Amino acid sequence: DRDRLGNRMLAGERLTLDEQQRWANDSLRVPDLWFHVLDHGDD
């Protein structure tokens, strides 16, 4: 999805919101960092 949707963006196409989310999440994610900030953000 990252490659296919990225190529469509480079070609000037506008992606739907669902496609944008799939593009963003089809790469690295760092769940432990997300949970750290969720649990300790107030610190």
PDB file of all heavy atoms in Angstrom:
ATOM      1  N   ASP A   1       0.836  -1.204   0.000  1.00  0.00           N
ATOM      2  CA  ASP A   1       0.000   0.000   0.000  1.00  0.00           C
ATOM      3  C   ASP A   1       0.872   1.256   0.000  1.00  0.00           C
ATOM      4  O   ASP A   1       0.558   2.239  -0.671  1.00  0.00           O
ATOM      5  CB  ASP A   1      -0.910   0.024   1.226  1.00  0.00           C
ATOM      6  CG  ASP A   1      -2.138  -0.850   1.063  1.00  0.00           C
ATOM      7  OD1 ASP A   1      -2.463  -1.187  -0.093  1.00  0.00           O
ATOM      8  OD2 ASP A   1      -2.767  -1.192   2.077  1.00  0.00           O
ATOM      9  N   ARG A   2       1.953   1.199   0.747  1.00  0.00           N
ATOM     10  CA  ARG A   2       2.852   2.356   0.822  1.00  0.00           C
ATOM     11  C   ARG A   2       3.397   2.686  -0.563  1.00  0.00           C
ATOM     12  O   ARG A   2       3.405   3.849  -0.987  1.00  0.00           O
ATOM     13  CB  ARG A   2       4.005   2.041   1.784  1.00  0.00           C
ATOM     14  CG  ARG A   2       4.948   3.203   2.048  1.00  0.00           C
ATOM     15  CD  ARG A   2       4.398   4.135   3.075  1.00  0.00           C
ATOM     16  NE  ARG A   2       5.352   5.189   3.423  1.00  0.00           N
ATOM     17  CZ  ARG A   2       5.123   6.100   4.340  1.00  0.00           C
ATOM     18  NH1 ARG A   2       3.976   6.094   5.012  1.00  0.00           N
ATOM     19  NH2 ARG A   2       6.004   7.027   4.606  1.00  0.00           N
ATOM     20  N   ASP A   3       3.861   1.682  -1.276  1.00  0.00           N
ATOM     21  CA  ASP A   3       4.418   1.906  -2.609  1.00  0.00           C
ATOM     22  C   ASP A   3       3.349   2.327  -3.604  1.00  0.00           C
ATOM     23  O   ASP A   3       3.513   3.303  -4.347  1.00  0.00           O
ATOM     24  CB  ASP A   3       5.122   0.639  -3.098  1.00  0.00           C
ATOM     25  CG  ASP A   3       6.384   0.337  -2.318  1.00  0.00           C
ATOM     26  OD1 ASP A   3       6.912   1.260  -1.672  1.00  0.00           O
ATOM     27  OD2 ASP A   3       6.838  -0.823  -2.346  1.00  0.00           O
ATOM     28  N   ARG A   4       2.246   1.578  -3.640  1.00  0.00           N
ATOM     29  CA  ARG A   4       1.208   1.835  -4.642  1.00  0.00           C
ATOM     30  C   ARG A   4       0.568   3.204  -4.432  1.00  0.00           C
ATOM     31  O   ARG A   4       0.425   3.993  -5.380  1.00  0.00           O
ATOM     32  CB  ARG A   4       0.142   0.736  -4.567  1.00  0.00           C
ATOM     33  CG  ARG A   4      -1.010   0.909  -5.548  1.00  0.00           C
ATOM     34  CD  ARG A   4      -1.967  -0.267  -5.460  1.00  0.00           C
ATOM     35  NE  ARG A   4      -2.513  -0.423  -4.120  1.00  0.00           N
ATOM     36  CZ  ARG A   4      -3.586   0.244  -3.662  1.00  0.00           C
ATOM     37  NH1 ARG A   4      -4.195   1.124  -4.452  1.00  0.00           N
ATOM     38  NH2 ARG A   4      -4.040   0.032  -2.445  1.00  0.00           N
ATOM     39  N   LEU A   5       0.185   3.489  -3.207  1.00  0.00           N
ATOM     40  CA  LEU A   5      -0.473   4.761  -2.925  1.00  0.00           C
ATOM     41  C   LEU A   5       0.508   5.918  -3.004  1.00  0.00           C
ATOM     42  O   LEU A   5       0.146   7.026  -3.412  1.00  0.00           O
ATOM     43  CB  LEU A   5      -1.134   4.706  -1.547  1.00  0.00           C
ATOM     44  CG  LEU A   5      -2.271   3.690  -1.422  1.00  0.00           C
ATOM     45  CD1 LEU A   5      -2.721   3.556   0.031  1.00  0.00           C
ATOM     46  CD2 LEU A   5      -3.442   4.078  -2.316  1.00  0.00           C
ATOM     47  N   GLY A   6       1.760   5.662  -2.624  1.00  0.00           N
ATOM     48  CA  GLY A   6       2.777   6.693  -2.758  1.00  0.00           C
ATOM     49  C   GLY A   6       3.007   7.084  -4.206  1.00  0.00           C
ATOM     50  O   GLY A   6       3.171   8.267  -4.531  1.00  0.00           O
ATOM     51  N   ASN A   7       3.012   6.101  -5.096  1.00  0.00           N
ATOM     52  CA  ASN A   7       3.173   6.394  -6.529  1.00  0.00           C
ATOM     53  C   ASN A   7       1.985   7.186  -7.067  1.00  0.00           C
ATOM     54  O   ASN A   7       2.149   8.069  -7.918  1.00  0.00           O
ATOM     55  CB  ASN A   7       3.329   5.089  -7.312  1.00  0.00           C
ATOM     56  CG  ASN A   7       4.671   4.430  -7.079  1.00  0.00           C
ATOM     57  OD1 ASN A   7       5.651   5.106  -6.762  1.00  0.00           O
ATOM     58  ND2 ASN A   7       4.734   3.119  -7.234  1.00  0.00           N
ATOM     59  N   ARG A   8       0.789   6.891  -6.565  1.00  0.00           N
ATOM     60  CA  ARG A   8      -0.379   7.661  -6.994  1.00  0.00           C
ATOM     61  C   ARG A   8      -0.287   9.105  -6.516  1.00  0.00           C
ATOM     62  O   ARG A   8      -0.644  10.039  -7.241  1.00  0.00           O
ATOM     63  CB  ARG A   8      -1.650   6.999  -6.475  1.00  0.00           C
ATOM     64  CG  ARG A   8      -2.038   5.737  -7.256  1.00  0.00           C
ATOM     65  CD  ARG A   8      -3.267   5.082  -6.662  1.00  0.00           C
ATOM     66  NE  ARG A   8      -4.375   6.021  -6.515  1.00  0.00           N
ATOM     67  CZ  ARG A   8      -5.496   5.769  -5.821  1.00  0.00           C
ATOM     68  NH1 ARG A   8      -5.619   4.588  -5.213  1.00  0.00           N
ATOM     69  NH2 ARG A   8      -6.447   6.663  -5.731  1.00  0.00           N
ATOM     70  N   MET A   9       0.226   9.309  -5.305  1.00  0.00           N
ATOM     71  CA  MET A   9       0.421  10.679  -4.812  1.00  0.00           C
ATOM     72  C   MET A   9       1.422  11.426  -5.673  1.00  0.00           C
ATOM     73  O   MET A   9       1.226  12.594  -6.024  1.00  0.00           O
ATOM     74  CB  MET A   9       0.896  10.653  -3.360  1.00  0.00           C
ATOM     75  CG  MET A   9      -0.195  10.419  -2.354  1.00  0.00           C
ATOM     76  SD  MET A   9       0.332  10.869  -0.679  1.00  0.00           S
ATOM     77  CE  MET A   9       1.579   9.631  -0.358  1.00  0.00           C
ATOM     78  N   LEU A  10       2.537  10.752  -6.010  1.00  0.00           N
ATOM     79  CA  LEU A  10       3.559  11.384  -6.839  1.00  0.00           C
ATOM     80  C   LEU A  10       3.005  11.757  -8.210  1.00  0.00           C
ATOM     81  O   LEU A  10       3.461  12.730  -8.832  1.00  0.00           O
ATOM     82  CB  LEU A  10       4.758  10.453  -6.987  1.00  0.00           C
ATOM     83  CG  LEU A  10       5.634  10.269  -5.753  1.00  0.00           C
ATOM     84  CD1 LEU A  10       6.681   9.187  -5.998  1.00  0.00           C
ATOM     85  CD2 LEU A  10       6.328  11.584  -5.378  1.00  0.00           C
ATOM     86  N   ALA A  11       2.022  10.997  -8.680  1.00  0.00           N
ATOM     87  CA  ALA A  11       1.400  11.273  -9.979  1.00  0.00           C
ATOM     88  C   ALA A  11       0.348  12.374  -9.884  1.00  0.00           C
ATOM     89  O   ALA A  11      -0.256  12.736 -10.900  1.00  0.00           O
ATOM     90  CB  ALA A  11       0.773  10.007 -10.539  1.00  0.00           C
ATOM     91  N   GLY A  12       0.129  12.901  -8.675  1.00  0.00           N
ATOM     92  CA  GLY A  12      -0.806  14.004  -8.511  1.00  0.00           C
ATOM     93  C   GLY A  12      -2.219  13.598  -8.155  1.00  0.00           C
ATOM     94  O   GLY A  12      -3.117  14.449  -8.104  1.00  0.00           O
ATOM     95  N   GLU A  13      -2.458  12.317  -7.903  1.00  0.00           N
ATOM     96  CA  GLU A  13      -3.799  11.869  -7.542  1.00  0.00           C
ATOM     97  C   GLU A  13      -4.104  12.212  -6.079  1.00  0.00           C
ATOM     98  O   GLU A  13      -3.212  12.232  -5.234  1.00  0.00           O
ATOM     99  CB  GLU A  13      -3.936  10.359  -7.737  1.00  0.00           C
ATOM    100  CG  GLU A  13      -3.863   9.900  -9.183  1.00  0.00           C
ATOM    101  CD  GLU A  13      -4.162   8.415  -9.309  1.00  0.00           C
ATOM    102  OE1 GLU A  13      -5.090   7.943  -8.608  1.00  0.00           O
ATOM    103  OE2 GLU A  13      -3.467   7.738 -10.088  1.00  0.00           O
ATOM    104  N   ARG A  14      -5.365  12.472  -5.804  1.00  0.00           N
ATOM    105  CA  ARG A  14      -5.791  12.738  -4.434  1.00  0.00           C
ATOM    106  C   ARG A  14      -6.325  11.451  -3.818  1.00  0.00           C
ATOM    107  O   ARG A  14      -7.221  10.807  -4.384  1.00  0.00           O
ATOM    108  CB  ARG A  14      -6.861  13.826  -4.402  1.00  0.00           C
ATOM    109  CG  ARG A  14      -7.251  14.230  -2.984  1.00  0.00           C
ATOM    110  CD  ARG A  14      -8.027  15.525  -2.952  1.00  0.00           C
ATOM    111  NE  ARG A  14      -8.306  15.940  -1.594  1.00  0.00           N
ATOM    112  CZ  ARG A  14      -7.449  16.593  -0.816  1.00  0.00           C
ATOM    113  NH1 ARG A  14      -6.258  16.909  -1.287  1.00  0.00           N
ATOM    114  NH2 ARG A  14      -7.777  16.959   0.410  1.00  0.00           N
ATOM    115  N   LEU A  15      -5.811  11.071  -2.679  1.00  0.00           N
ATOM    116  CA  LEU A  15      -6.213   9.842  -2.017  1.00  0.00           C
ATOM    117  C   LEU A  15      -7.400  10.090  -1.096  1.00  0.00           C
ATOM    118  O   LEU A  15      -7.550  11.172  -0.519  1.00  0.00           O
ATOM    119  CB  LEU A  15      -5.053   9.277  -1.189  1.00  0.00           C
ATOM    120  CG  LEU A  15      -3.734   9.006  -1.910  1.00  0.00           C
ATOM    121  CD1 LEU A  15      -2.746   8.371  -0.936  1.00  0.00           C
ATOM    122  CD2 LEU A  15      -3.924   8.133  -3.136  1.00  0.00           C
ATOM    123  N   THR A  16      -8.236   9.055  -0.955  1.00  0.00           N
ATOM    124  CA  THR A  16      -9.306   9.142   0.028  1.00  0.00           C
ATOM    125  C   THR A  16      -8.699   9.100   1.432  1.00  0.00           C
ATOM    126  O   THR A  16      -7.529   8.731   1.622  1.00  0.00           O
ATOM    127  CB  THR A  16     -10.291   7.973  -0.129  1.00  0.00           C
ATOM    128  OG1 THR A  16      -9.610   6.748   0.214  1.00  0.00           O
ATOM    129  CG2 THR A  16     -10.818   7.893  -1.564  1.00  0.00           C
ATOM    130  N   LEU A  17      -9.500   9.452   2.421  1.00  0.00           N
ATOM    131  CA  LEU A  17      -9.006   9.442   3.793  1.00  0.00           C
ATOM    132  C   LEU A  17      -8.598   8.036   4.214  1.00  0.00           C
ATOM    133  O   LEU A  17      -7.566   7.850   4.882  1.00  0.00           O
ATOM    134  CB  LEU A  17     -10.080   9.992   4.737  1.00  0.00           C
ATOM    135  CG  LEU A  17      -9.638  10.276   6.174  1.00  0.00           C
ATOM    136  CD1 LEU A  17      -8.494  11.283   6.194  1.00  0.00           C
ATOM    137  CD2 LEU A  17     -10.824  10.799   6.993  1.00  0.00           C
ATOM    138  N   ASP A  18      -9.362   7.036   3.791  1.00  0.00           N
ATOM    139  CA  ASP A  18      -9.001   5.655   4.102  1.00  0.00           C
ATOM    140  C   ASP A  18      -7.672   5.280   3.459  1.00  0.00           C
ATOM    141  O   ASP A  18      -6.823   4.631   4.087  1.00  0.00           O
ATOM    142  CB  ASP A  18     -10.102   4.711   3.616  1.00  0.00           C
ATOM    143  CG  ASP A  18      -9.742   3.239   3.836  1.00  0.00           C
ATOM    144  OD1 ASP A  18      -9.687   2.811   4.996  1.00  0.00           O
ATOM    145  OD2 ASP A  18      -9.497   2.551   2.825  1.00  0.00           O
ATOM    146  N   GLU A  19      -7.472   5.688   2.221  1.00  0.00           N
ATOM    147  CA  GLU A  19      -6.208   5.391   1.538  1.00  0.00           C
ATOM    148  C   GLU A  19      -5.040   6.111   2.213  1.00  0.00           C
ATOM    149  O   GLU A  19      -3.938   5.560   2.330  1.00  0.00           O
ATOM    150  CB  GLU A  19      -6.311   5.799   0.076  1.00  0.00           C
ATOM    151  CG  GLU A  19      -7.210   4.889  -0.748  1.00  0.00           C
ATOM    152  CD  GLU A  19      -7.443   5.416  -2.146  1.00  0.00           C
ATOM    153  OE1 GLU A  19      -7.417   6.665  -2.345  1.00  0.00           O
ATOM    154  OE2 GLU A  19      -7.656   4.594  -3.064  1.00  0.00           O
ATOM    155  N   GLN A  20      -5.273   7.321   2.665  1.00  0.00           N
ATOM    156  CA  GLN A  20      -4.215   8.051   3.369  1.00  0.00           C
ATOM    157  C   GLN A  20      -3.809   7.323   4.645  1.00  0.00           C
ATOM    158  O   GLN A  20      -2.610   7.218   4.964  1.00  0.00           O
ATOM    159  CB  GLN A  20      -4.692   9.467   3.701  1.00  0.00           C
ATOM    160  CG  GLN A  20      -4.923  10.356   2.490  1.00  0.00           C
ATOM    161  CD  GLN A  20      -5.488  11.701   2.877  1.00  0.00           C
ATOM    162  OE1 GLN A  20      -5.162  12.253   3.933  1.00  0.00           O
ATOM    163  NE2 GLN A  20      -6.346  12.250   2.022  1.00  0.00           N
ATOM    164  N   GLN A  21      -4.787   6.827   5.373  1.00  0.00           N
ATOM    165  CA  GLN A  21      -4.487   6.091   6.599  1.00  0.00           C
ATOM    166  C   GLN A  21      -3.728   4.807   6.293  1.00  0.00           C
ATOM    167  O   GLN A  21      -2.781   4.444   7.014  1.00  0.00           O
ATOM    168  CB  GLN A  21      -5.789   5.767   7.343  1.00  0.00           C
ATOM    169  CG  GLN A  21      -6.522   6.978   7.897  1.00  0.00           C
ATOM    170  CD  GLN A  21      -5.884   7.514   9.165  1.00  0.00           C
ATOM    171  OE1 GLN A  21      -4.825   7.064   9.593  1.00  0.00           O
ATOM    172  NE2 GLN A  21      -6.520   8.505   9.767  1.00  0.00           N
ATOM    173  N   ARG A  22      -4.125   4.108   5.246  1.00  0.00           N
ATOM    174  CA  ARG A  22      -3.426   2.867   4.884  1.00  0.00           C
ATOM    175  C   ARG A  22      -1.993   3.153   4.453  1.00  0.00           C
ATOM    176  O   ARG A  22      -1.074   2.397   4.776  1.00  0.00           O
ATOM    177  CB  ARG A  22      -4.199   2.135   3.786  1.00  0.00           C
ATOM    178  CG  ARG A  22      -5.431   1.426   4.309  1.00  0.00           C
ATOM    179  CD  ARG A  22      -6.007   0.447   3.302  1.00  0.00           C
ATOM    180  NE  ARG A  22      -6.770   1.129   2.279  1.00  0.00           N
ATOM    181  CZ  ARG A  22      -6.610   0.985   0.986  1.00  0.00           C
ATOM    182  NH1 ARG A  22      -5.659   0.185   0.519  1.00  0.00           N
ATOM    183  NH2 ARG A  22      -7.371   1.621   0.126  1.00  0.00           N
ATOM    184  N   TRP A  23      -1.788   4.237   3.727  1.00  0.00           N
ATOM    185  CA  TRP A  23      -0.431   4.646   3.324  1.00  0.00           C
ATOM    186  C   TRP A  23       0.424   4.930   4.562  1.00  0.00           C
ATOM    187  O   TRP A  23       1.571   4.487   4.653  1.00  0.00           O
ATOM    188  CB  TRP A  23      -0.512   5.882   2.426  1.00  0.00           C
ATOM    189  CG  TRP A  23       0.822   6.471   2.098  1.00  0.00           C
ATOM    190  CD1 TRP A  23       1.677   6.079   1.109  1.00  0.00           C
ATOM    191  CD2 TRP A  23       1.471   7.566   2.772  1.00  0.00           C
ATOM    192  NE1 TRP A  23       2.817   6.855   1.129  1.00  0.00           N
ATOM    193  CE2 TRP A  23       2.718   7.771   2.128  1.00  0.00           C
ATOM    194  CE3 TRP A  23       1.121   8.390   3.836  1.00  0.00           C
ATOM    195  CZ2 TRP A  23       3.608   8.765   2.524  1.00  0.00           C
ATOM    196  CZ3 TRP A  23       2.007   9.378   4.243  1.00  0.00           C
ATOM    197  CH2 TRP A  23       3.234   9.562   3.596  1.00  0.00           C
ATOM    198  N   ALA A  24      -0.125   5.664   5.512  1.00  0.00           N
ATOM    199  CA  ALA A  24       0.648   6.061   6.693  1.00  0.00           C
ATOM    200  C   ALA A  24       1.008   4.880   7.578  1.00  0.00           C
ATOM    201  O   ALA A  24       2.066   4.872   8.213  1.00  0.00           O
ATOM    202  CB  ALA A  24      -0.143   7.095   7.501  1.00  0.00           C
ATOM    203  N   ASN A  25       0.133   3.872   7.643  1.00  0.00           N
ATOM    204  CA  ASN A  25       0.352   2.747   8.554  1.00  0.00           C
ATOM    205  C   ASN A  25       1.064   1.571   7.917  1.00  0.00           C
ATOM    206  O   ASN A  25       1.397   0.607   8.611  1.00  0.00           O
ATOM    207  CB  ASN A  25      -0.990   2.291   9.141  1.00  0.00           C
ATOM    208  CG  ASN A  25      -1.495   3.235  10.206  1.00  0.00           C
ATOM    209  OD1 ASN A  25      -0.950   3.305  11.294  1.00  0.00           O
ATOM    210  ND2 ASN A  25      -2.547   3.982   9.884  1.00  0.00           N
ATOM    211  N   ASP A  26       1.320   1.640   6.606  1.00  0.00           N
ATOM    212  CA  ASP A  26       2.000   0.539   5.925  1.00  0.00           C
ATOM    213  C   ASP A  26       3.505   0.791   5.886  1.00  0.00           C
ATOM    214  O   ASP A  26       4.151   0.750   4.844  1.00  0.00           O
ATOM    215  CB  ASP A  26       1.443   0.389   4.504  1.00  0.00           C
ATOM    216  CG  ASP A  26       1.883  -0.932   3.858  1.00  0.00           C
ATOM    217  OD1 ASP A  26       2.319  -1.833   4.603  1.00  0.00           O
ATOM    218  OD2 ASP A  26       1.788  -1.043   2.627  1.00  0.00           O
ATOM    219  N   SER A  27       4.047   1.077   7.041  1.00  0.00           N
ATOM    220  CA  SER A  27       5.479   1.351   7.186  1.00  0.00           C
ATOM    221  C   SER A  27       5.829   1.087   8.639  1.00  0.00           C
ATOM    222  O   SER A  27       5.141   0.328   9.322  1.00  0.00           O
ATOM    223  CB  SER A  27       5.787   2.798   6.773  1.00  0.00           C
ATOM    224  OG  SER A  27       7.174   3.063   6.856  1.00  0.00           O
ATOM    225  N   LEU A  28       6.882   1.742   9.123  1.00  0.00           N
ATOM    226  CA  LEU A  28       7.245   1.499  10.516  1.00  0.00           C
ATOM    227  C   LEU A  28       6.162   2.005  11.458  1.00  0.00           C
ATOM    228  O   LEU A  28       5.503   3.002  11.196  1.00  0.00           O
ATOM    229  CB  LEU A  28       8.565   2.179  10.851  1.00  0.00           C
ATOM    230  CG  LEU A  28       8.500   3.663  11.261  1.00  0.00           C
ATOM    231  CD1 LEU A  28       9.596   3.987  12.236  1.00  0.00           C
ATOM    232  CD2 LEU A  28       8.562   4.557  10.054  1.00  0.00           C
ATOM    233  N   ARG A  29       5.969   1.295  12.533  1.00  0.00           N
ATOM    234  CA  ARG A  29       5.162   1.738  13.664  1.00  0.00           C
ATOM    235  C   ARG A  29       5.962   1.449  14.928  1.00  0.00           C
ATOM    236  O   ARG A  29       6.844   0.595  14.926  1.00  0.00           O
ATOM    237  CB  ARG A  29       3.819   1.002  13.681  1.00  0.00           C
ATOM    238  CG  ARG A  29       2.875   1.432  12.560  1.00  0.00           C
ATOM    239  CD  ARG A  29       1.627   0.576  12.454  1.00  0.00           C
ATOM    240  NE  ARG A  29       1.957  -0.777  12.019  1.00  0.00           N
ATOM    241  CZ  ARG A  29       1.919  -1.851  12.794  1.00  0.00           C
ATOM    242  NH1 ARG A  29       1.576  -1.741  14.072  1.00  0.00           N
ATOM    243  NH2 ARG A  29       2.241  -3.042  12.321  1.00  0.00           N
ATOM    244  N   VAL A  30       5.644   2.175  15.987  1.00  0.00           N
ATOM    245  CA  VAL A  30       6.399   2.024  17.239  1.00  0.00           C
ATOM    246  C   VAL A  30       5.390   1.950  18.383  1.00  0.00           C
ATOM    247  O   VAL A  30       5.215   2.897  19.156  1.00  0.00           O
ATOM    248  CB  VAL A  30       7.383   3.203  17.432  1.00  0.00           C
ATOM    249  CG1 VAL A  30       8.438   2.847  18.479  1.00  0.00           C
ATOM    250  CG2 VAL A  30       8.050   3.596  16.130  1.00  0.00           C
ATOM    251  N   PRO A  31       4.705   0.820  18.524  1.00  0.00           N
ATOM    252  CA  PRO A  31       3.624   0.713  19.519  1.00  0.00           C
ATOM    253  C   PRO A  31       4.075   0.996  20.950  1.00  0.00           C
ATOM    254  O   PRO A  31       3.340   1.630  21.722  1.00  0.00           O
ATOM    255  CB  PRO A  31       3.145  -0.736  19.367  1.00  0.00           C
ATOM    256  CG  PRO A  31       3.542  -1.128  17.979  1.00  0.00           C
ATOM    257  CD  PRO A  31       4.827  -0.410  17.714  1.00  0.00           C
ATOM    258  N   ASP A  32       5.282   0.535  21.315  1.00  0.00           N
ATOM    259  CA  ASP A  32       5.737   0.748  22.696  1.00  0.00           C
ATOM    260  C   ASP A  32       5.944   2.229  22.992  1.00  0.00           C
ATOM    261  O   ASP A  32       5.722   2.675  24.131  1.00  0.00           O
ATOM    262  CB  ASP A  32       7.038  -0.014  22.946  1.00  0.00           C
ATOM    263  CG  ASP A  32       6.828  -1.522  23.018  1.00  0.00           C
ATOM    264  OD1 ASP A  32       5.662  -1.951  23.063  1.00  0.00           O
ATOM    265  OD2 ASP A  32       7.831  -2.259  23.008  1.00  0.00           O
ATOM    266  N   LEU A  33       6.359   2.990  22.001  1.00  0.00           N
ATOM    267  CA  LEU A  33       6.491   4.439  22.173  1.00  0.00           C
ATOM    268  C   LEU A  33       5.111   5.063  22.371  1.00  0.00           C
ATOM    269  O   LEU A  33       4.919   5.934  23.231  1.00  0.00           O
ATOM    270  CB  LEU A  33       7.193   5.045  20.957  1.00  0.00           C
ATOM    271  CG  LEU A  33       7.227   6.576  20.866  1.00  0.00           C
ATOM    272  CD1 LEU A  33       7.919   7.186  22.082  1.00  0.00           C
ATOM    273  CD2 LEU A  33       7.911   7.020  19.574  1.00  0.00           C
ATOM    274  N   TRP A  34       4.138   4.619  21.568  1.00  0.00           N
ATOM    275  CA  TRP A  34       2.771   5.137  21.684  1.00  0.00           C
ATOM    276  C   TRP A  34       2.229   4.884  23.090  1.00  0.00           C
ATOM    277  O   TRP A  34       1.654   5.779  23.732  1.00  0.00           O
ATOM    278  CB  TRP A  34       1.890   4.460  20.633  1.00  0.00           C
ATOM    279  CG  TRP A  34       0.534   5.074  20.464  1.00  0.00           C
ATOM    280  CD1 TRP A  34       0.158   6.050  19.594  1.00  0.00           C
ATOM    281  CD2 TRP A  34      -0.649   4.716  21.195  1.00  0.00           C
ATOM    282  NE1 TRP A  34      -1.181   6.328  19.736  1.00  0.00           N
ATOM    283  CE2 TRP A  34      -1.706   5.519  20.714  1.00  0.00           C
ATOM    284  CE3 TRP A  34      -0.926   3.785  22.204  1.00  0.00           C
ATOM    285  CZ2 TRP A  34      -3.001   5.437  21.194  1.00  0.00           C
ATOM    286  CZ3 TRP A  34      -2.231   3.702  22.712  1.00  0.00           C
ATOM    287  CH2 TRP A  34      -3.242   4.517  22.201  1.00  0.00           C
ATOM    288  N   PHE A  35       2.418   3.672  23.602  1.00  0.00           N
ATOM    289  CA  PHE A  35       1.903   3.347  24.931  1.00  0.00           C
ATOM    290  C   PHE A  35       2.671   4.106  26.018  1.00  0.00           C
ATOM    291  O   PHE A  35       2.083   4.490  27.043  1.00  0.00           O
ATOM    292  CB  PHE A  35       1.968   1.835  25.177  1.00  0.00           C
ATOM    293  CG  PHE A  35       0.850   1.080  24.524  1.00  0.00           C
ATOM    294  CD1 PHE A  35       1.102   0.256  23.441  1.00  0.00           C
ATOM    295  CD2 PHE A  35      -0.448   1.206  24.990  1.00  0.00           C
ATOM    296  CE1 PHE A  35       0.061  -0.439  22.834  1.00  0.00           C
ATOM    297  CE2 PHE A  35      -1.493   0.510  24.394  1.00  0.00           C
ATOM    298  CZ  PHE A  35      -1.235  -0.307  23.298  1.00  0.00           C
ATOM    299  N   HIS A  36       3.962   4.332  25.806  1.00  0.00           N
ATOM    300  CA  HIS A  36       4.724   5.104  26.795  1.00  0.00           C
ATOM    301  C   HIS A  36       4.155   6.507  26.924  1.00  0.00           C
ATOM    302  O   HIS A  36       3.965   7.007  28.052  1.00  0.00           O
ATOM    303  CB  HIS A  36       6.205   5.170  26.399  1.00  0.00           C
ATOM    304  CG  HIS A  36       7.015   6.059  27.304  1.00  0.00           C
ATOM    305  ND1 HIS A  36       7.534   5.630  28.507  1.00  0.00           N
ATOM    306  CD2 HIS A  36       7.381   7.368  27.175  1.00  0.00           C
ATOM    307  CE1 HIS A  36       8.184   6.622  29.096  1.00  0.00           C
ATOM    308  NE2 HIS A  36       8.108   7.694  28.310  1.00  0.00           N
ATOM    309  N   VAL A  37       3.886   7.151  25.797  1.00  0.00           N
ATOM    310  CA  VAL A  37       3.341   8.503  25.836  1.00  0.00           C
ATOM    311  C   VAL A  37       1.908   8.495  26.371  1.00  0.00           C
ATOM    312  O   VAL A  37       1.495   9.396  27.110  1.00  0.00           O
ATOM    313  CB  VAL A  37       3.410   9.162  24.437  1.00  0.00           C
ATOM    314  CG1 VAL A  37       2.651  10.490  24.407  1.00  0.00           C
ATOM    315  CG2 VAL A  37       4.868   9.382  24.040  1.00  0.00           C
ATOM    316  N   LEU A  38       1.135   7.461  26.029  1.00  0.00           N
ATOM    317  CA  LEU A  38      -0.212   7.351  26.581  1.00  0.00           C
ATOM    318  C   LEU A  38      -0.172   7.249  28.106  1.00  0.00           C
ATOM    319  O   LEU A  38      -0.947   7.926  28.809  1.00  0.00           O
ATOM    320  CB  LEU A  38      -0.909   6.112  25.999  1.00  0.00           C
ATOM    321  CG  LEU A  38      -2.330   5.827  26.514  1.00  0.00           C
ATOM    322  CD1 LEU A  38      -3.300   6.895  26.036  1.00  0.00           C
ATOM    323  CD2 LEU A  38      -2.787   4.441  26.060  1.00  0.00           C
ATOM    324  N   ASP A  39       0.747   6.441  28.621  1.00  0.00           N
ATOM    325  CA  ASP A  39       0.803   6.192  30.066  1.00  0.00           C
ATOM    326  C   ASP A  39       1.526   7.288  30.828  1.00  0.00           C
ATOM    327  O   ASP A  39       1.210   7.532  32.008  1.00  0.00           O
ATOM    328  CB  ASP A  39       1.489   4.847  30.336  1.00  0.00           C
ATOM    329  CG  ASP A  39       0.690   3.664  29.815  1.00  0.00           C
ATOM    330  OD1 ASP A  39      -0.533   3.819  29.617  1.00  0.00           O
ATOM    331  OD2 ASP A  39       1.297   2.598  29.580  1.00  0.00           O
ATOM    332  N   HIS A  40       2.513   7.932  30.188  1.00  0.00           N
ATOM    333  CA  HIS A  40       3.375   8.868  30.918  1.00  0.00           C
ATOM    334  C   HIS A  40       3.342  10.292  30.357  1.00  0.00           C
ATOM    335  O   HIS A  40       4.131  11.130  30.790  1.00  0.00           O
ATOM    336  CB  HIS A  40       4.822   8.356  30.899  1.00  0.00           C
ATOM    337  CG  HIS A  40       4.996   6.998  31.510  1.00  0.00           C
ATOM    338  ND1 HIS A  40       5.017   6.794  32.873  1.00  0.00           N
ATOM    339  CD2 HIS A  40       5.140   5.768  30.928  1.00  0.00           C
ATOM    340  CE1 HIS A  40       5.170   5.500  33.118  1.00  0.00           C
ATOM    341  NE2 HIS A  40       5.254   4.859  31.960  1.00  0.00           N
ATOM    342  N   GLY A  41       2.440  10.557  29.426  1.00  0.00           N
ATOM    343  CA  GLY A  41       2.400  11.883  28.810  1.00  0.00           C
ATOM    344  C   GLY A  41       2.237  13.009  29.803  1.00  0.00           C
ATOM    345  O   GLY A  41       2.805  14.105  29.636  1.00  0.00           O
ATOM    346  N   ASP A  42       1.477  12.762  30.874  1.00  0.00           N
ATOM    347  CA  ASP A  42       1.274  13.804  31.883  1.00  0.00           C
ATOM    348  C   ASP A  42       2.547  14.110  32.670  1.00  0.00           C
ATOM    349  O   ASP A  42       2.598  15.107  33.407  1.00  0.00           O
ATOM    350  CB  ASP A  42       0.165  13.384  32.856  1.00  0.00           C
ATOM    351  CG  ASP A  42      -1.210  13.419  32.204  1.00  0.00           C
ATOM    352  OD1 ASP A  42      -1.371  14.154  31.219  1.00  0.00           O
ATOM    353  OD2 ASP A  42      -2.114  12.700  32.684  1.00  0.00           O
ATOM    354  N   ASP A  43       3.573  13.265  32.534  1.00  0.00           N
ATOM    355  CA  ASP A  43       4.836  13.508  33.233  1.00  0.00           C
ATOM    356  C   ASP A  43       5.668  14.584  32.528  1.00  0.00           C
ATOM    357  O   ASP A  43       6.657  15.069  33.102  1.00  0.00           O
ATOM    358  CB  ASP A  43       5.668  12.224  33.300  1.00  0.00           C
ATOM    359  CG  ASP A  43       4.987  11.127  34.108  1.00  0.00           C
ATOM    360  OD1 ASP A  43       4.063  11.452  34.879  1.00  0.00           O
ATOM    361  OD2 ASP A  43       5.367   9.954  33.940  1.00  0.00           O
TER     362      ASP A  43
END
